Amino acid sequence: MPHGRLLVAFAEAVLGDDDDPLSRTRNALASTLGATALVDAAGVVGLFNAIDRIADAAGIPLEPEKAAASADFRAALDLDSFSIAERA
């Protein structure tokens, strides 16, 4: 995908805790793809974040392939001990 690495870096920076990478990737995205693309990218990041939260709140279970792919880090973080995980 053209500029895929930049878009991923931006998404990770938006969801991160450090303003410096966010500022750098936001500026790089705007200068490389333009202001409209920056706004579109920010909207997509926001929507994916919201969709994930809605699915979690609604109790939608992980798909089997995602459950298998995430089993190791879910166990390391003890995520399956949360009450919502019992319903999934």
Protein backbone atom coordinates (compact mmCIF):
# COMPACT_ATOMS: atom_id res chain seq x y z
CA MET A 1 0.00 0.00 0.00
CA PRO A 2 1.45 3.41 -0.87
CA HIS A 3 2.56 5.21 2.29
CA GLY A 4 1.36 2.26 4.37
CA ARG A 5 4.21 2.54 6.86
CA LEU A 6 3.49 6.21 7.41
CA LEU A 7 -0.21 5.50 7.94
CA VAL A 8 0.54 2.71 10.42
CA ALA A 9 3.02 4.95 12.26
CA PHE A 10 0.34 7.63 12.47
CA ALA A 11 -2.28 5.20 13.80
CA GLU A 12 0.14 3.90 16.42
CA ALA A 13 1.09 7.45 17.42
CA VAL A 14 -2.56 8.48 17.78
CA LEU A 15 -3.16 5.57 20.14
CA GLY A 16 0.13 6.11 21.99
CA ASP A 17 0.98 8.22 25.01
CA ASP A 18 3.79 10.33 23.56
CA ASP A 19 2.97 13.58 21.76
CA ASP A 20 6.31 13.78 19.94
CA PRO A 21 5.73 10.80 17.59
CA LEU A 22 2.19 12.03 17.02
CA SER A 23 3.40 15.48 16.04
CA ARG A 24 6.10 14.05 13.77
CA THR A 25 3.83 11.57 12.00
CA ARG A 26 0.98 14.08 11.71
CA ASN A 27 3.33 16.59 10.07
CA ALA A 28 4.83 13.92 7.82
CA LEU A 29 1.39 12.73 6.77
CA ALA A 30 0.20 16.25 6.01
CA SER A 31 3.31 17.13 4.03
CA THR A 32 3.38 13.82 2.14
CA LEU A 33 -0.31 13.26 1.42
CA GLY A 34 -1.95 16.59 2.19
CA ALA A 35 -4.36 17.95 4.78
CA THR A 36 -7.38 16.07 3.42
CA ALA A 37 -5.58 12.72 3.73
CA LEU A 38 -4.53 13.62 7.28
CA VAL A 39 -8.15 14.29 8.22
CA ASP A 40 -9.26 11.05 6.54
CA ALA A 41 -6.56 9.04 8.32
CA ALA A 42 -7.51 10.55 11.68
CA GLY A 43 -11.15 9.69 11.03
CA VAL A 44 -10.31 6.08 10.20
CA VAL A 45 -8.19 5.71 13.34
CA GLY A 46 -11.01 7.14 15.43
CA LEU A 47 -13.64 4.91 13.86
CA PHE A 48 -11.61 1.74 14.37
CA ASN A 49 -11.03 2.70 17.99
CA ALA A 50 -14.76 3.31 18.47
CA ILE A 51 -15.81 0.11 16.68
CA ASP A 52 -13.52 -1.94 18.93
CA ARG A 53 -14.98 -0.34 22.06
CA ILE A 54 -18.53 -0.92 20.86
CA ALA A 55 -17.81 -4.58 20.14
CA ASP A 56 -16.24 -4.99 23.59
CA ALA A 57 -19.16 -3.25 25.31
CA ALA A 58 -21.69 -5.34 23.42
CA GLY A 59 -19.92 -8.54 24.43
CA ILE A 60 -19.17 -9.61 20.87
CA PRO A 61 -16.71 -12.52 21.15
CA LEU A 62 -13.44 -12.73 19.30
CA GLU A 63 -13.46 -14.70 16.09
CA PRO A 64 -11.76 -18.11 16.55
CA GLU A 65 -8.73 -17.12 14.46
CA LYS A 66 -8.24 -13.89 16.43
CA ALA A 67 -8.65 -15.75 19.71
CA ALA A 68 -5.94 -18.20 18.65
CA ALA A 69 -3.62 -15.44 17.42
CA SER A 70 -3.98 -13.45 20.63
CA ALA A 71 -3.95 -16.30 23.16
CA ASP A 72 -0.33 -15.74 24.24
CA PHE A 73 -0.57 -12.04 25.04
CA ARG A 74 -4.07 -12.37 26.52
CA ALA A 75 -2.64 -14.97 28.91
CA ALA A 76 0.41 -12.81 29.69
CA LEU A 77 -1.86 -9.87 30.52
CA ASP A 78 -4.40 -12.09 32.30
CA LEU A 79 -7.17 -10.61 30.15
CA ASP A 80 -9.28 -13.75 30.28
CA SER A 81 -9.81 -13.23 34.01
CA PHE A 82 -12.07 -10.21 33.40
CA SER A 83 -15.76 -10.96 33.83
CA ILE A 84 -16.55 -9.93 30.24
CA ALA A 85 -14.23 -12.69 29.00
CA GLU A 86 -16.40 -15.31 30.69
CA ARG A 87 -19.33 -14.39 28.43
CA ALA A 88 -17.29 -14.52 25.23
